[in-house]
Amino acid sequence: MIAKVPVKGQTVIPEAIREMARIKAGDQLDVGYSGGLIVMRKRQSLTPARVRSLLLGWSRSARNDSEG
């Protein structure tokens, strides 16, 4: 898909992509740039369950790094 960037720098995320990513009006997106790519990710709220999940993933990663 091709999106055109007008003078104001705004662009439209095509409907098919919004549906696949479950993005709806009012959702917030994290936007970044890496390796020549503009990356957009739907922002996820930090619920207690999400924080636990992130911390468990981080602690597993740290353990693997120390074993390597």
Protein backbone atom coordinates (compact mmCIF):
# COMPACT_ATOMS: atom_id res chain seq x y z
CA MET A 1 0.00 0.00 0.00
CA ILE A 2 1.13 3.52 -0.66
CA ALA A 3 0.31 6.50 1.53
CA LYS A 4 1.05 10.05 0.41
CA VAL A 5 2.37 12.65 2.85
CA PRO A 6 0.82 16.09 2.29
CA VAL A 7 2.37 19.46 3.21
CA LYS A 8 1.23 19.25 6.86
CA GLY A 9 3.05 15.91 7.29
CA GLN A 10 -0.07 13.95 8.18
CA THR A 11 -0.87 10.62 6.62
CA VAL A 12 -3.72 8.14 6.76
CA ILE A 13 -3.29 4.57 7.94
CA PRO A 14 -5.23 2.49 5.40
CA GLU A 15 -8.43 0.93 6.75
CA ALA A 16 -7.24 -2.65 6.13
CA ILE A 17 -4.13 -2.05 8.25
CA ARG A 18 -6.14 -0.32 11.00
CA GLU A 19 -8.43 -3.34 11.13
CA MET A 20 -5.51 -5.82 11.29
CA ALA A 21 -3.89 -3.80 14.09
CA ARG A 22 -7.25 -3.18 15.80
CA ILE A 23 -6.62 0.57 15.78
CA LYS A 24 -9.68 2.73 16.29
CA ALA A 25 -10.34 6.47 16.59
CA GLY A 26 -8.79 7.87 19.77
CA ASP A 27 -6.13 5.15 20.15
CA GLN A 28 -2.61 6.35 20.84
CA LEU A 29 0.36 5.15 18.80
CA ASP A 30 4.05 5.06 19.65
CA VAL A 31 6.00 6.28 16.62
CA GLY A 32 9.70 5.67 16.04
CA TYR A 33 12.37 5.44 13.40
CA SER A 34 14.77 2.52 13.08
CA GLY A 35 16.95 1.23 10.26
CA GLY A 36 15.26 3.35 7.61
CA LEU A 37 11.75 2.36 8.73
CA ILE A 38 9.07 4.48 10.34
CA VAL A 39 7.51 2.24 12.97
CA MET A 40 4.08 2.76 14.53
CA ARG A 41 2.82 0.62 17.39
CA LYS A 42 -0.50 0.77 19.20
CA ARG A 43 0.18 1.96 22.72
CA GLN A 44 -0.83 -0.53 25.40
CA SER A 45 -1.87 0.59 28.85
CA LEU A 46 0.20 -0.66 31.76
CA THR A 47 -2.17 -2.83 33.73
CA PRO A 48 -0.81 -4.78 36.72
CA ALA A 49 -0.87 -7.97 34.61
CA ARG A 50 1.08 -6.27 31.79
CA VAL A 51 3.70 -4.96 34.24
CA ARG A 52 4.15 -8.48 35.66
CA SER A 53 4.50 -9.89 32.15
CA LEU A 54 7.10 -7.29 31.18
CA LEU A 55 9.07 -7.83 34.39
CA LEU A 56 9.02 -11.61 33.99
CA GLY A 57 10.28 -11.26 30.42
CA TRP A 58 13.00 -8.88 31.57
CA SER A 59 14.13 -11.14 34.42
CA ARG A 60 14.27 -14.18 32.09
CA SER A 61 16.33 -12.18 29.61
CA ALA A 62 18.72 -11.03 32.33
CA ARG A 63 19.13 -14.62 33.56
CA ASN A 64 19.87 -15.86 30.04
CA ASP A 65 22.44 -13.09 29.55
CA SER A 66 24.24 -14.01 32.77
CA GLU A 67 24.33 -17.71 31.82
CA GLY A 68 25.68 -17.06 28.32
